[in-house]
C-alpha atoms as a PDB file:
ATOM      1  CA  MET A   1      29.625  97.873 101.782  1.00  0.00           C
ATOM      2  CA  GLN A   2      30.765  94.122 102.660  1.00  0.00           C
ATOM      3  CA  THR A   3      29.882  93.013 105.810  1.00  0.00           C
ATOM      4  CA  ILE A   4      32.227  91.484 107.775  1.00  0.00           C
ATOM      5  CA  LYS A   5      31.417  88.522 110.590  1.00  0.00           C
ATOM      6  CA  THR A   6      32.841  87.091 112.654  1.00  0.00           C
ATOM      7  CA  PHE A   7      33.859  83.319 111.897  1.00  0.00           C
ATOM      8  CA  THR A   8      34.998  79.839 114.435  1.00  0.00           C
ATOM      9  CA  PHE A   9      37.293  77.097 112.904  1.00  0.00           C
ATOM     10  CA  SER A  10      39.970  74.356 113.135  1.00  0.00           C
ATOM     11  CA  VAL A  11      42.759  73.540 111.276  1.00  0.00           C
ATOM     12  CA  ASN A  12      44.594  70.964 111.989  1.00  0.00           C
ATOM     13  CA  ALA A  13      43.539  70.450 115.267  1.00  0.00           C
ATOM     14  CA  ARG A  14      43.619  74.943 116.414  1.00  0.00           C
ATOM     15  CA  GLN A  15      40.616  76.779 116.952  1.00  0.00           C
ATOM     16  CA  TYR A  16      40.110  80.377 115.051  1.00  0.00           C
ATOM     17  CA  GLU A  17      38.888  82.396 115.299  1.00  0.00           C
ATOM     18  CA  PHE A  18      38.732  86.114 112.807  1.00  0.00           C
ATOM     19  CA  GLU A  19      36.507  88.303 111.620  1.00  0.00           C
ATOM     20  CA  LEU A  20      36.142  88.068 108.269  1.00  0.00           C
ATOM     21  CA  ALA A  21      34.475  89.004 104.598  1.00  0.00           C
ATOM     22  CA  PRO A  22      31.881  86.322 104.285  1.00  0.00           C
ATOM     23  CA  ASP A  23      32.587  84.788 100.793  1.00  0.00           C
ATOM     24  CA  MET A  24      36.289  85.208 101.743  1.00  0.00           C
ATOM     25  CA  PRO A  25      38.050  81.614 100.372  1.00  0.00           C
ATOM     26  CA  LEU A  26      39.328  79.570 102.896  1.00  0.00           C
ATOM     27  CA  LEU A  27      42.860  79.326 100.458  1.00  0.00           C
ATOM     28  CA  TRP A  28      42.895  82.985 101.298  1.00  0.00           C
ATOM     29  CA  ILE A  29      42.577  82.825 105.022  1.00  0.00           C
ATOM     30  CA  LEU A  30      44.822  79.848 105.304  1.00  0.00           C
ATOM     31  CA  ARG A  31      47.323  81.782 104.410  1.00  0.00           C
ATOM     32  CA  ASP A  32      46.530  85.579 104.937  1.00  0.00           C
ATOM     33  CA  TYR A  33      44.669  85.036 108.592  1.00  0.00           C
ATOM     34  CA  VAL A  34      46.476  81.453 109.623  1.00  0.00           C
ATOM     35  CA  GLY A  35      49.818  81.704 107.596  1.00  0.00           C
ATOM     36  CA  LEU A  36      50.075  78.406 106.572  1.00  0.00           C
ATOM     37  CA  THR A  37      51.233  78.471 102.640  1.00  0.00           C
ATOM     38  CA  GLY A  38      51.544  73.954 102.514  1.00  0.00           C
ATOM     39  CA  THR A  39      48.293  75.520 100.676  1.00  0.00           C
ATOM     40  CA  LYS A  40      48.414  75.957  96.783  1.00  0.00           C
ATOM     41  CA  TYR A  41      47.168  78.892  94.788  1.00  0.00           C
ATOM     42  CA  GLY A  42      46.293  76.767  91.366  1.00  0.00           C
ATOM     43  CA  CYS A  43      44.012  78.303  89.655  1.00  0.00           C
ATOM     44  CA  GLY A  44      41.517  79.829  91.787  1.00  0.00           C
ATOM     45  CA  VAL A  45      37.682  77.879  90.732  1.00  0.00           C
ATOM     46  CA  GLY A  46      38.253  75.071  92.185  1.00  0.00           C
ATOM     47  CA  GLN A  47      39.392  73.212  88.748  1.00  0.00           C
ATOM     48  CA  CYS A  48      42.933  71.878  89.007  1.00  0.00           C
ATOM     49  CA  GLY A  49      42.719  70.763  92.755  1.00  0.00           C
ATOM     50  CA  ALA A  50      46.599  72.247  93.654  1.00  0.00           C
ATOM     51  CA  CYS A  51      44.478  73.629  96.576  1.00  0.00           C
ATOM     52  CA  THR A  52      43.178  70.520  98.197  1.00  0.00           C
ATOM     53  CA  VAL A  53      42.473  69.961 101.811  1.00  0.00           C
ATOM     54  CA  LEU A  54      40.049  68.145 104.011  1.00  0.00           C
ATOM     55  CA  LEU A  55      36.531  69.542 105.529  1.00  0.00           C
ATOM     56  CA  GLY A  56      36.571  66.235 108.175  1.00  0.00           C
ATOM     57  CA  ASN A  57      38.037  63.920 105.608  1.00  0.00           C
ATOM     58  CA  ARG A  58      36.252  64.599 103.080  1.00  0.00           C
ATOM     59  CA  PRO A  59      38.881  66.534 100.020  1.00  0.00           C
ATOM     60  CA  VAL A  60      37.462  69.852  98.816  1.00  0.00           C
ATOM     61  CA  MET A  61      39.010  72.732  96.784  1.00  0.00           C
ATOM     62  CA  SER A  62      39.755  75.051  99.405  1.00  0.00           C
ATOM     63  CA  CYS A  63      39.440  77.809  96.438  1.00  0.00           C
ATOM     64  CA  GLN A  64      35.828  76.859  96.360  1.00  0.00           C
ATOM     65  CA  LEU A  65      34.742  77.505 100.017  1.00  0.00           C
ATOM     66  CA  THR A  66      33.924  80.564 101.648  1.00  0.00           C
ATOM     67  CA  ALA A  67      34.569  82.262 105.292  1.00  0.00           C
ATOM     68  CA  GLU A  68      30.707  81.177 105.950  1.00  0.00           C
ATOM     69  CA  GLN A  69      31.331  77.696 104.357  1.00  0.00           C
ATOM     70  CA  ILE A  70      33.436  76.385 107.634  1.00  0.00           C
ATOM     71  CA  ASN A  71      32.552  78.406 110.380  1.00  0.00           C
ATOM     72  CA  GLY A  72      32.407  75.651 113.036  1.00  0.00           C
ATOM     73  CA  GLN A  73      34.237  73.304 111.015  1.00  0.00           C
ATOM     74  CA  LYS A  74      37.984  71.692 110.902  1.00  0.00           C
ATOM     75  CA  ILE A  75      40.034  71.757 108.270  1.00  0.00           C
ATOM     76  CA  THR A  76      43.165  69.658 108.374  1.00  0.00           C
ATOM     77  CA  THR A  77      45.929  70.987 105.565  1.00  0.00           C
ATOM     78  CA  ILE A  78      49.433  69.259 103.953  1.00  0.00           C
ATOM     79  CA  GLU A  79      51.183  70.945 106.862  1.00  0.00           C
ATOM     80  CA  GLY A  80      48.568  69.407 109.891  1.00  0.00           C
ATOM     81  CA  LEU A  81      49.328  65.792 107.760  1.00  0.00           C
ATOM     82  CA  SER A  82      50.834  64.616 110.458  1.00  0.00           C
ATOM     83  CA  GLN A  83      52.014  64.978 114.114  1.00  0.00           C
ATOM     84  CA  ALA A  84      54.895  63.298 113.968  1.00  0.00           C
ATOM     85  CA  GLY A  85      57.063  63.021 111.171  1.00  0.00           C
ATOM     86  CA  LEU A  86      55.501  62.298 108.064  1.00  0.00           C
ATOM     87  CA  HIS A  87      52.704  61.073 106.996  1.00  0.00           C
ATOM     88  CA  PRO A  88      52.727  57.148 105.526  1.00  0.00           C
ATOM     89  CA  VAL A  89      51.158  59.279 102.108  1.00  0.00           C
ATOM     90  CA  GLN A  90      53.467  61.602 102.498  1.00  0.00           C
ATOM     91  CA  GLN A  91      56.117  58.415 102.736  1.00  0.00           C
ATOM     92  CA  ALA A  92      55.223  56.896 100.117  1.00  0.00           C
ATOM     93  CA  TRP A  93      56.257  59.833  97.904  1.00  0.00           C
ATOM     94  CA  VAL A  94      59.337  60.120  99.120  1.00  0.00           C
ATOM     95  CA  ASP A  95      60.238  56.552  98.595  1.00  0.00           C
ATOM     96  CA  GLU A  96      58.809  56.390  94.589  1.00  0.00           C
ATOM     97  CA  ASP A  97      60.763  59.828  93.864  1.00  0.00           C
ATOM     98  CA  VAL A  98      56.997  60.993  93.323  1.00  0.00           C
ATOM     99  CA  VAL A  99      57.918  65.241  93.027  1.00  0.00           C
ATOM    100  CA  GLN A 100      59.425  67.077  90.360  1.00  0.00           C
ATOM    101  CA  CYS A 101      58.360  71.156  90.803  1.00  0.00           C
ATOM    102  CA  GLY A 102      56.435  70.081  94.112  1.00  0.00           C
ATOM    103  CA  TYR A 103      53.444  72.614  93.127  1.00  0.00           C
ATOM    104  CA  CYS A 104      50.753  70.427  93.299  1.00  0.00           C
ATOM    105  CA  GLN A 105      52.140  68.268  96.007  1.00  0.00           C
ATOM    106  CA  SER A 106      49.897  68.953  98.519  1.00  0.00           C
ATOM    107  CA  GLY A 107      47.264  69.282  97.017  1.00  0.00           C
ATOM    108  CA  GLN A 108      48.145  65.542  95.613  1.00  0.00           C
ATOM    109  CA  ILE A 109      48.553  64.286  98.466  1.00  0.00           C
ATOM    110  CA  MET A 110      45.786  65.857 100.766  1.00  0.00           C
ATOM    111  CA  MET A 111      43.607  63.815  97.844  1.00  0.00           C
ATOM    112  CA  ALA A 112      45.487  60.700  99.034  1.00  0.00           C
ATOM    113  CA  ALA A 113      45.268  60.697 102.099  1.00  0.00           C
ATOM    114  CA  SER A 114      41.889  60.710 102.323  1.00  0.00           C
ATOM    115  CA  LEU A 115      41.338  58.493 100.211  1.00  0.00           C
ATOM    116  CA  PHE A 116      42.674  55.564 103.540  1.00  0.00           C
ATOM    117  CA  MET A 117      40.457  58.138 105.727  1.00  0.00           C
ATOM    118  CA  GLN A 118      38.015  55.579 104.325  1.00  0.00           C
ATOM    119  CA  GLU A 119      36.713  51.908 106.176  1.00  0.00           C
ATOM    120  CA  THR A 120      38.203  49.757 102.934  1.00  0.00           C
ATOM    121  CA  PRO A 121      41.294  49.927 101.278  1.00  0.00           C
ATOM    122  CA  PRO A 122      39.616  52.490  97.939  1.00  0.00           C
ATOM    123  CA  SER A 123      40.746  49.993  94.235  1.00  0.00           C
ATOM    124  CA  GLU A 124      41.913  51.288  91.546  1.00  0.00           C
ATOM    125  CA  GLN A 125      38.624  52.765  90.131  1.00  0.00           C
ATOM    126  CA  GLN A 126      38.689  55.080  93.482  1.00  0.00           C
ATOM    127  CA  ILE A 127      42.097  55.578  93.254  1.00  0.00           C
ATOM    128  CA  ASP A 128      42.589  57.272  89.327  1.00  0.00           C
ATOM    129  CA  LEU A 129      38.725  59.552  90.145  1.00  0.00           C
ATOM    130  CA  ALA A 130      40.489  61.027  92.412  1.00  0.00           C
ATOM    131  CA  MET A 131      43.429  61.737  92.024  1.00  0.00           C
ATOM    132  CA  SER A 132      42.573  62.284  88.154  1.00  0.00           C
ATOM    133  CA  LYS A 133      40.401  65.896  90.024  1.00  0.00           C
ATOM    134  CA  VAL A 134      44.236  67.174  90.992  1.00  0.00           C
ATOM    135  CA  ILE A 135      46.609  68.603  88.208  1.00  0.00           C
ATOM    136  CA  CYS A 136      49.820  67.722  87.683  1.00  0.00           C
ATOM    137  CA  ARG A 137      51.379  69.663  84.813  1.00  0.00           C
ATOM    138  CA  CYS A 138      54.739  67.250  85.394  1.00  0.00           C
ATOM    139  CA  GLY A 139      53.313  64.145  84.584  1.00  0.00           C
ATOM    140  CA  THR A 140      54.008  62.129  87.931  1.00  0.00           C
ATOM    141  CA  TYR A 141      51.160  60.576  87.522  1.00  0.00           C
ATOM    142  CA  THR A 142      52.534  57.185  87.147  1.00  0.00           C
ATOM    143  CA  ARG A 143      54.261  57.606  90.179  1.00  0.00           C
ATOM    144  CA  ILE A 144      51.770  58.686  91.832  1.00  0.00           C
ATOM    145  CA  LYS A 145      49.372  56.377  91.633  1.00  0.00           C
ATOM    146  CA  LYS A 146      52.443  53.673  92.231  1.00  0.00           C
ATOM    147  CA  ALA A 147      53.071  55.272  95.590  1.00  0.00           C
ATOM    148  CA  ILE A 148      49.490  54.910  95.888  1.00  0.00           C
ATOM    149  CA  THR A 149      48.684  51.225  95.268  1.00  0.00           C
ATOM    150  CA  ARG A 150      52.308  51.128  97.158  1.00  0.00           C
ATOM    151  CA  LEU A 151      49.946  52.403 100.418  1.00  0.00           C
ATOM    152  CA  VAL A 152      47.115  49.829  99.234  1.00  0.00           C
ATOM    153  CA  THR A 153      49.248  46.743  98.709  1.00  0.00           C
ATOM    154  CA  SER A 154      50.604  48.007 102.357  1.00  0.00           C
ATOM    155  CA  THR A 155      47.668  47.845 104.765  1.00  0.00           C
END
C-alpha cells in the first residue's frame, strides 16, 4: 500500500500543497496536478533532457525528482521563465529560428537559461557541456549554439 503525504513547494512563484505518493516524479506533478504541460516527457529515465526545469537556478530532469525531493523547493518551468513577454533565451530562439518540431525546446531553453543565471557569462565549454544534456532529434544544435552565442556576446 502506497503511503500518501502532504508536500508543499513553489512552481513559478506560486505555492502548492498536494497529497502525493513520495515517489511521484515531479514531471507528472507539474503536468497532472499543477496543470503545466510545457515540460515534456521524453524518456522517463533522465537521458534526454526534454523534461528539464529549474530547481532554484539549477537545471534538473523533472522525471528524476520525486515529490519528497522537491518538498519546500522552488521550481521554475518554461511557463514561468519570464513574467512579461519572452525571456531573452526565448527571444534568441525566435531570432535564430531554432525550433523545428519543438518537442525538446522547453528543455533546451530551460538548460540555456540556467547558463545565464551564473555571475559570469558561460564559456564555450560550459555551453557545450550543458546543452549536451538535452537531445534534439531534429538536429537543431547549430542553431541552438548560435542563439546562445548571440546572448553571450550581447551581455
